[in-house]
N, C-alpha and C. Protein backbone atom coordinates (compact mmCIF):
# COMPACT_ATOMS: atom_id res chain seq x y z
N MET A 1 -26.03 -8.51 0.10
CA MET A 1 -24.84 -8.06 -0.62
C MET A 1 -23.94 -7.29 0.34
N ALA A 2 -22.69 -7.43 0.15
CA ALA A 2 -21.71 -6.69 0.94
C ALA A 2 -21.82 -5.20 0.63
N ALA A 3 -21.48 -4.36 1.59
CA ALA A 3 -21.56 -2.91 1.42
C ALA A 3 -20.40 -2.40 0.56
N PHE A 4 -20.68 -1.43 -0.29
CA PHE A 4 -19.67 -0.80 -1.14
C PHE A 4 -18.79 0.11 -0.30
N GLN A 5 -17.48 0.01 -0.49
CA GLN A 5 -16.50 0.88 0.17
C GLN A 5 -15.69 1.56 -0.93
N LYS A 6 -15.64 2.89 -0.92
CA LYS A 6 -14.86 3.58 -1.95
C LYS A 6 -13.40 3.67 -1.55
N PHE A 7 -12.55 3.75 -2.56
CA PHE A 7 -11.14 4.05 -2.34
C PHE A 7 -11.03 5.56 -2.24
N ASN A 8 -10.22 6.07 -1.30
CA ASN A 8 -10.08 7.51 -1.11
C ASN A 8 -9.64 8.22 -2.39
N SER A 9 -8.77 7.59 -3.16
CA SER A 9 -8.26 8.21 -4.39
C SER A 9 -9.36 8.43 -5.43
N PHE A 10 -10.46 7.69 -5.33
CA PHE A 10 -11.56 7.85 -6.28
C PHE A 10 -12.10 9.28 -6.27
N VAL A 11 -12.19 9.88 -5.10
CA VAL A 11 -12.73 11.24 -4.98
C VAL A 11 -11.85 12.23 -5.76
N GLU A 12 -10.55 12.15 -5.55
CA GLU A 12 -9.63 13.05 -6.26
C GLU A 12 -9.63 12.74 -7.76
N ALA A 13 -9.60 11.45 -8.11
CA ALA A 13 -9.58 11.07 -9.53
C ALA A 13 -10.83 11.57 -10.24
N LEU A 14 -11.96 11.55 -9.56
CA LEU A 14 -13.20 12.05 -10.13
C LEU A 14 -13.11 13.56 -10.38
N ALA A 15 -12.56 14.27 -9.40
CA ALA A 15 -12.42 15.73 -9.51
C ALA A 15 -11.41 16.12 -10.59
N GLU A 16 -10.45 15.25 -10.85
CA GLU A 16 -9.40 15.54 -11.83
C GLU A 16 -9.68 14.92 -13.20
N LYS A 17 -10.92 14.56 -13.46
CA LYS A 17 -11.39 14.06 -14.75
C LYS A 17 -10.72 12.77 -15.20
N LYS A 18 -10.40 11.89 -14.26
CA LYS A 18 -9.84 10.59 -14.63
C LYS A 18 -10.94 9.57 -14.88
N HIS A 19 -12.18 9.92 -14.55
CA HIS A 19 -13.32 9.02 -14.75
C HIS A 19 -14.40 9.72 -15.55
N ASP A 20 -15.00 8.98 -16.48
CA ASP A 20 -16.26 9.36 -17.09
C ASP A 20 -17.17 8.18 -16.84
N LEU A 21 -17.81 8.20 -15.69
CA LEU A 21 -18.56 7.03 -15.24
C LEU A 21 -19.71 6.67 -16.16
N GLY A 22 -20.14 7.59 -16.99
CA GLY A 22 -21.23 7.31 -17.91
C GLY A 22 -20.80 6.52 -19.13
N SER A 23 -19.50 6.58 -19.47
CA SER A 23 -19.08 5.91 -20.71
C SER A 23 -17.82 5.07 -20.60
N ASP A 24 -17.04 5.19 -19.54
CA ASP A 24 -15.83 4.39 -19.40
C ASP A 24 -16.17 2.92 -19.17
N THR A 25 -15.23 2.04 -19.50
CA THR A 25 -15.38 0.61 -19.24
C THR A 25 -14.98 0.34 -17.80
N LEU A 26 -15.95 -0.11 -17.01
CA LEU A 26 -15.70 -0.46 -15.62
C LEU A 26 -15.64 -1.97 -15.51
N ARG A 27 -14.74 -2.46 -14.68
CA ARG A 27 -14.57 -3.90 -14.51
C ARG A 27 -14.56 -4.25 -13.03
N VAL A 28 -14.92 -5.49 -12.76
CA VAL A 28 -14.87 -6.04 -11.41
C VAL A 28 -13.89 -7.21 -11.43
N MET A 29 -12.86 -7.12 -10.59
CA MET A 29 -11.91 -8.22 -10.46
C MET A 29 -12.00 -8.76 -9.04
N LEU A 30 -11.45 -9.94 -8.83
CA LEU A 30 -11.54 -10.60 -7.53
C LEU A 30 -10.18 -10.66 -6.86
N SER A 31 -10.19 -10.59 -5.53
CA SER A 31 -8.96 -10.64 -4.74
C SER A 31 -9.23 -11.37 -3.44
N ASN A 32 -8.18 -11.92 -2.88
CA ASN A 32 -8.29 -12.53 -1.56
C ASN A 32 -7.39 -11.81 -0.57
N THR A 33 -6.91 -10.63 -0.98
CA THR A 33 -6.08 -9.79 -0.11
C THR A 33 -6.87 -8.54 0.24
N ALA A 34 -6.98 -8.26 1.53
CA ALA A 34 -7.80 -7.12 1.98
C ALA A 34 -7.29 -5.81 1.39
N PRO A 35 -8.15 -5.10 0.65
CA PRO A 35 -7.75 -3.78 0.17
C PRO A 35 -7.84 -2.76 1.31
N THR A 36 -7.11 -1.68 1.17
CA THR A 36 -7.22 -0.57 2.11
C THR A 36 -7.66 0.66 1.34
N SER A 37 -8.28 1.59 2.02
CA SER A 37 -8.87 2.75 1.35
C SER A 37 -7.83 3.66 0.70
N ASN A 38 -6.54 3.48 1.03
CA ASN A 38 -5.51 4.38 0.48
C ASN A 38 -4.89 3.86 -0.82
N LEU A 39 -5.40 2.78 -1.38
CA LEU A 39 -4.87 2.28 -2.65
C LEU A 39 -5.39 3.13 -3.80
N ASN A 40 -4.67 3.13 -4.93
CA ASN A 40 -4.99 4.04 -6.03
C ASN A 40 -5.32 3.38 -7.35
N ILE A 41 -4.49 2.42 -7.77
CA ILE A 41 -4.62 1.85 -9.11
C ILE A 41 -4.68 0.32 -9.05
N ARG A 42 -5.12 -0.26 -10.16
CA ARG A 42 -5.34 -1.71 -10.20
C ARG A 42 -4.12 -2.51 -9.76
N THR A 43 -2.92 -2.08 -10.14
CA THR A 43 -1.73 -2.85 -9.77
C THR A 43 -1.43 -2.80 -8.28
N ASP A 44 -2.14 -1.96 -7.53
CA ASP A 44 -2.01 -1.95 -6.06
C ASP A 44 -2.74 -3.13 -5.43
N ILE A 45 -3.58 -3.80 -6.20
CA ILE A 45 -4.41 -4.90 -5.73
C ILE A 45 -3.77 -6.23 -6.11
N THR A 46 -3.80 -7.20 -5.21
CA THR A 46 -3.37 -8.55 -5.53
C THR A 46 -4.58 -9.31 -6.05
N GLU A 47 -4.62 -9.50 -7.34
CA GLU A 47 -5.73 -10.18 -7.98
C GLU A 47 -5.57 -11.69 -7.83
N VAL A 48 -6.69 -12.42 -7.76
CA VAL A 48 -6.60 -13.88 -7.71
C VAL A 48 -6.00 -14.40 -9.01
N GLU A 49 -5.49 -15.60 -8.95
CA GLU A 49 -4.88 -16.22 -10.12
C GLU A 49 -5.94 -16.53 -11.17
N ALA A 50 -5.61 -16.20 -12.41
CA ALA A 50 -6.52 -16.50 -13.52
C ALA A 50 -6.56 -18.01 -13.75
N GLY A 51 -7.69 -18.46 -14.26
CA GLY A 51 -7.84 -19.87 -14.60
C GLY A 51 -9.10 -20.46 -14.03
N ASN A 52 -9.52 -21.58 -14.61
CA ASN A 52 -10.69 -22.33 -14.15
C ASN A 52 -11.94 -21.47 -14.05
N GLY A 53 -12.13 -20.58 -15.02
CA GLY A 53 -13.34 -19.76 -15.06
C GLY A 53 -13.12 -18.30 -14.71
N TYR A 54 -11.91 -17.94 -14.28
CA TYR A 54 -11.62 -16.55 -13.96
C TYR A 54 -10.56 -16.03 -14.92
N ALA A 55 -10.86 -14.93 -15.61
CA ALA A 55 -9.91 -14.31 -16.53
C ALA A 55 -9.26 -13.11 -15.84
N ALA A 56 -7.95 -12.95 -16.04
CA ALA A 56 -7.23 -11.82 -15.46
C ALA A 56 -7.92 -10.51 -15.83
N GLY A 57 -8.05 -9.62 -14.88
CA GLY A 57 -8.70 -8.33 -15.10
C GLY A 57 -10.17 -8.33 -14.74
N GLY A 58 -10.74 -9.52 -14.57
CA GLY A 58 -12.13 -9.61 -14.14
C GLY A 58 -13.13 -9.40 -15.27
N ASN A 59 -14.37 -9.13 -14.88
CA ASN A 59 -15.48 -9.00 -15.83
C ASN A 59 -15.95 -7.56 -15.96
N ILE A 60 -16.47 -7.23 -17.13
CA ILE A 60 -17.03 -5.90 -17.37
C ILE A 60 -18.34 -5.74 -16.61
N ALA A 61 -18.51 -4.57 -16.02
CA ALA A 61 -19.78 -4.18 -15.37
C ALA A 61 -20.37 -3.05 -16.21
N VAL A 62 -21.40 -3.36 -16.97
CA VAL A 62 -22.00 -2.40 -17.90
C VAL A 62 -22.79 -1.34 -17.15
N VAL A 63 -22.58 -0.08 -17.51
CA VAL A 63 -23.32 1.03 -16.92
C VAL A 63 -24.73 1.02 -17.50
N THR A 64 -25.74 0.92 -16.62
CA THR A 64 -27.13 0.97 -17.08
C THR A 64 -27.73 2.35 -16.85
N SER A 65 -27.17 3.10 -15.91
CA SER A 65 -27.63 4.47 -15.67
C SER A 65 -26.53 5.26 -14.99
N SER A 66 -26.30 6.45 -15.51
CA SER A 66 -25.34 7.39 -14.93
C SER A 66 -26.00 8.75 -15.06
N ALA A 67 -26.72 9.14 -14.01
CA ALA A 67 -27.52 10.36 -14.13
C ALA A 67 -27.71 11.02 -12.78
N GLN A 68 -28.07 12.30 -12.84
CA GLN A 68 -28.40 13.03 -11.62
C GLN A 68 -29.85 13.49 -11.69
N SER A 69 -30.43 13.60 -10.52
CA SER A 69 -31.79 14.12 -10.38
C SER A 69 -31.84 14.92 -9.10
N GLY A 70 -32.22 16.17 -9.20
CA GLY A 70 -32.30 17.03 -8.03
C GLY A 70 -30.96 17.23 -7.35
N GLY A 71 -29.88 17.17 -8.12
CA GLY A 71 -28.54 17.38 -7.56
C GLY A 71 -27.92 16.13 -6.95
N VAL A 72 -28.55 14.99 -7.12
CA VAL A 72 -28.02 13.73 -6.61
C VAL A 72 -27.68 12.84 -7.80
N TYR A 73 -26.39 12.46 -7.90
CA TYR A 73 -25.93 11.58 -8.97
C TYR A 73 -25.96 10.14 -8.49
N ARG A 74 -26.39 9.23 -9.38
CA ARG A 74 -26.42 7.81 -9.04
C ARG A 74 -25.83 7.02 -10.21
N LEU A 75 -24.94 6.08 -9.86
CA LEU A 75 -24.36 5.17 -10.84
C LEU A 75 -24.96 3.79 -10.63
N VAL A 76 -25.61 3.29 -11.68
CA VAL A 76 -26.22 1.96 -11.63
C VAL A 76 -25.51 1.08 -12.65
N LEU A 77 -25.07 -0.08 -12.20
CA LEU A 77 -24.38 -1.03 -13.07
C LEU A 77 -25.16 -2.33 -13.17
N ALA A 78 -25.08 -2.96 -14.33
CA ALA A 78 -25.62 -4.31 -14.48
C ALA A 78 -24.64 -5.26 -13.78
N ASP A 79 -25.16 -6.35 -13.28
CA ASP A 79 -24.27 -7.35 -12.67
C ASP A 79 -23.24 -7.78 -13.71
N PRO A 80 -21.96 -7.87 -13.29
CA PRO A 80 -20.97 -8.38 -14.24
C PRO A 80 -21.28 -9.86 -14.52
N ALA A 81 -20.79 -10.35 -15.61
CA ALA A 81 -21.04 -11.74 -15.96
C ALA A 81 -20.70 -12.66 -14.79
N THR A 82 -21.43 -13.72 -14.68
CA THR A 82 -21.22 -14.70 -13.62
C THR A 82 -19.92 -15.46 -13.85
N TRP A 83 -19.17 -15.68 -12.77
CA TRP A 83 -18.00 -16.53 -12.83
C TRP A 83 -18.44 -17.95 -12.50
N THR A 84 -18.06 -18.90 -13.32
CA THR A 84 -18.36 -20.31 -13.07
C THR A 84 -17.06 -21.09 -13.13
N ALA A 85 -16.80 -21.86 -12.08
CA ALA A 85 -15.58 -22.67 -12.03
C ALA A 85 -15.67 -23.77 -13.09
N THR A 86 -14.69 -23.77 -13.98
CA THR A 86 -14.63 -24.78 -15.03
C THR A 86 -13.24 -25.39 -15.07
N GLY A 87 -13.17 -26.68 -15.27
CA GLY A 87 -11.87 -27.35 -15.34
C GLY A 87 -11.23 -27.55 -13.97
N GLY A 88 -11.98 -27.30 -12.92
CA GLY A 88 -11.47 -27.43 -11.55
C GLY A 88 -11.92 -26.25 -10.72
N PRO A 89 -11.48 -26.18 -9.46
CA PRO A 89 -11.90 -25.06 -8.60
C PRO A 89 -11.26 -23.75 -9.04
N MET A 90 -12.00 -22.67 -8.86
CA MET A 90 -11.49 -21.33 -9.14
C MET A 90 -10.75 -20.83 -7.90
N ALA A 91 -9.84 -19.91 -8.07
CA ALA A 91 -9.10 -19.35 -6.94
C ALA A 91 -10.06 -18.77 -5.90
N THR A 92 -9.76 -19.00 -4.63
CA THR A 92 -10.57 -18.48 -3.52
C THR A 92 -10.44 -16.96 -3.48
N PHE A 93 -11.55 -16.28 -3.19
CA PHE A 93 -11.54 -14.82 -3.09
C PHE A 93 -12.48 -14.38 -1.97
N ARG A 94 -12.35 -13.12 -1.59
CA ARG A 94 -13.23 -12.52 -0.59
C ARG A 94 -13.71 -11.14 -1.02
N TYR A 95 -12.95 -10.48 -1.89
CA TYR A 95 -13.20 -9.09 -2.26
C TYR A 95 -13.48 -8.96 -3.75
N ALA A 96 -14.46 -8.16 -4.09
CA ALA A 96 -14.74 -7.78 -5.48
C ALA A 96 -14.34 -6.32 -5.61
N ILE A 97 -13.46 -6.03 -6.56
CA ILE A 97 -12.87 -4.71 -6.71
C ILE A 97 -13.37 -4.07 -8.00
N LEU A 98 -13.93 -2.87 -7.91
CA LEU A 98 -14.40 -2.13 -9.07
C LEU A 98 -13.31 -1.13 -9.48
N TYR A 99 -12.95 -1.16 -10.77
CA TYR A 99 -11.96 -0.19 -11.26
C TYR A 99 -12.34 0.26 -12.66
N ASN A 100 -11.70 1.35 -13.09
CA ASN A 100 -11.96 1.95 -14.39
C ASN A 100 -10.89 1.48 -15.38
N ASP A 101 -11.27 0.59 -16.26
CA ASP A 101 -10.34 0.02 -17.22
C ASP A 101 -9.92 1.02 -18.30
N ASP A 102 -10.68 2.10 -18.48
CA ASP A 102 -10.35 3.10 -19.49
C ASP A 102 -9.44 4.21 -18.97
N SER A 103 -9.31 4.35 -17.67
CA SER A 103 -8.40 5.39 -17.15
C SER A 103 -6.96 4.95 -17.39
N ILE A 104 -6.07 5.89 -17.47
CA ILE A 104 -4.68 5.62 -17.84
C ILE A 104 -4.04 4.55 -16.96
N ASN A 105 -4.26 4.62 -15.67
CA ASN A 105 -3.63 3.67 -14.73
C ASN A 105 -4.62 2.67 -14.13
N ASP A 106 -5.78 2.49 -14.77
CA ASP A 106 -6.81 1.61 -14.20
C ASP A 106 -7.13 2.05 -12.77
N GLU A 107 -7.62 3.27 -12.65
CA GLU A 107 -7.94 3.86 -11.35
C GLU A 107 -8.99 3.04 -10.60
N LEU A 108 -8.74 2.85 -9.30
CA LEU A 108 -9.68 2.12 -8.45
C LEU A 108 -10.87 2.99 -8.08
N ILE A 109 -12.03 2.36 -7.93
CA ILE A 109 -13.25 3.07 -7.53
C ILE A 109 -13.69 2.62 -6.15
N GLY A 110 -13.90 1.34 -5.98
CA GLY A 110 -14.35 0.83 -4.68
C GLY A 110 -14.34 -0.68 -4.65
N TYR A 111 -14.80 -1.23 -3.53
CA TYR A 111 -14.78 -2.68 -3.38
C TYR A 111 -15.89 -3.14 -2.45
N TRP A 112 -16.13 -4.46 -2.50
CA TRP A 112 -17.08 -5.12 -1.60
C TRP A 112 -16.33 -6.22 -0.87
N ASP A 113 -16.54 -6.31 0.43
CA ASP A 113 -15.94 -7.35 1.27
C ASP A 113 -17.06 -8.33 1.61
N TYR A 114 -16.92 -9.58 1.19
CA TYR A 114 -17.96 -10.58 1.44
C TYR A 114 -17.86 -11.21 2.82
N GLY A 115 -16.91 -10.75 3.63
CA GLY A 115 -16.85 -11.16 5.03
C GLY A 115 -16.24 -12.52 5.29
N THR A 116 -16.11 -13.32 4.28
CA THR A 116 -15.50 -14.65 4.40
C THR A 116 -15.01 -15.07 3.02
N ASN A 117 -14.10 -16.01 3.00
CA ASN A 117 -13.61 -16.50 1.71
C ASN A 117 -14.72 -17.18 0.93
N VAL A 118 -14.69 -16.98 -0.38
CA VAL A 118 -15.64 -17.61 -1.29
C VAL A 118 -14.85 -18.61 -2.13
N SER A 119 -15.27 -19.85 -2.08
CA SER A 119 -14.62 -20.91 -2.86
C SER A 119 -15.61 -21.46 -3.87
N LEU A 120 -15.17 -21.57 -5.11
CA LEU A 120 -16.01 -22.14 -6.16
C LEU A 120 -15.38 -23.44 -6.64
N ASN A 121 -16.07 -24.54 -6.42
CA ASN A 121 -15.63 -25.82 -6.94
C ASN A 121 -16.18 -26.00 -8.35
N GLN A 122 -15.66 -26.97 -9.06
CA GLN A 122 -16.09 -27.26 -10.43
C GLN A 122 -17.62 -27.14 -10.54
N GLY A 123 -18.09 -26.27 -11.45
CA GLY A 123 -19.51 -26.10 -11.71
C GLY A 123 -20.20 -25.06 -10.83
N ASP A 124 -19.58 -24.63 -9.73
CA ASP A 124 -20.16 -23.59 -8.87
C ASP A 124 -20.06 -22.23 -9.56
N SER A 125 -21.02 -21.34 -9.27
CA SER A 125 -21.04 -20.01 -9.87
C SER A 125 -21.16 -18.92 -8.82
N PHE A 126 -20.72 -17.72 -9.18
CA PHE A 126 -20.80 -16.55 -8.30
C PHE A 126 -21.03 -15.32 -9.15
N THR A 127 -21.96 -14.46 -8.70
CA THR A 127 -22.21 -13.18 -9.36
C THR A 127 -22.18 -12.07 -8.32
N VAL A 128 -21.45 -11.00 -8.61
CA VAL A 128 -21.53 -9.80 -7.79
C VAL A 128 -22.88 -9.19 -8.13
N ASP A 129 -23.76 -9.08 -7.14
CA ASP A 129 -25.15 -8.69 -7.38
C ASP A 129 -25.34 -7.20 -7.06
N PHE A 130 -25.43 -6.38 -8.11
CA PHE A 130 -25.64 -4.95 -7.94
C PHE A 130 -27.12 -4.65 -7.85
N ASP A 131 -27.49 -3.72 -6.98
CA ASP A 131 -28.89 -3.34 -6.81
C ASP A 131 -29.29 -2.40 -7.95
N PRO A 132 -30.26 -2.81 -8.77
CA PRO A 132 -30.64 -1.98 -9.93
C PRO A 132 -31.44 -0.73 -9.57
N SER A 133 -31.92 -0.62 -8.35
CA SER A 133 -32.69 0.58 -7.99
C SER A 133 -31.85 1.61 -7.25
N THR A 134 -31.01 1.18 -6.33
CA THR A 134 -30.18 2.15 -5.59
C THR A 134 -28.84 2.39 -6.24
N GLY A 135 -28.39 1.48 -7.11
CA GLY A 135 -27.11 1.64 -7.75
C GLY A 135 -25.96 1.30 -6.83
N ILE A 136 -24.74 1.52 -7.31
CA ILE A 136 -23.58 1.18 -6.49
C ILE A 136 -23.00 2.38 -5.77
N LEU A 137 -23.25 3.58 -6.29
CA LEU A 137 -22.78 4.75 -5.57
C LEU A 137 -23.64 5.96 -5.86
N THR A 138 -23.70 6.84 -4.89
CA THR A 138 -24.47 8.07 -4.98
C THR A 138 -23.57 9.23 -4.58
N ILE A 139 -23.63 10.31 -5.34
CA ILE A 139 -22.88 11.51 -5.00
C ILE A 139 -23.90 12.63 -4.77
N VAL A 140 -23.83 13.20 -3.58
CA VAL A 140 -24.79 14.24 -3.19
C VAL A 140 -24.12 15.60 -3.26
């Protein structure tokens, strides 16, 4: 799996109560434009075109654990639903972007760079695979 990279604005947004990671709706959308760490909100991202198995806004990533132990917080998410190309090829992508759909401006959290373009032809599937033991982010 590609390594998680946080957006710099996530740190401030967390401190300013723009996220409730335990209960907010988090989503993963796809992009083929390289994000930079200084982006803030969903509209700063160029999302792939919807269609052929991809819905605008991406898929929900359900929170399975949002807890701290010994002063270390860990966010664990279930894999978002699998994207399957239907009716033709799905738009090519390279980046999976995590954002908070419940925050006022759809605040960005982080992203994964798969290192190369991912193309899904008719019937091909792709799942962003989250690690259920280490989670997607840790705050110490």
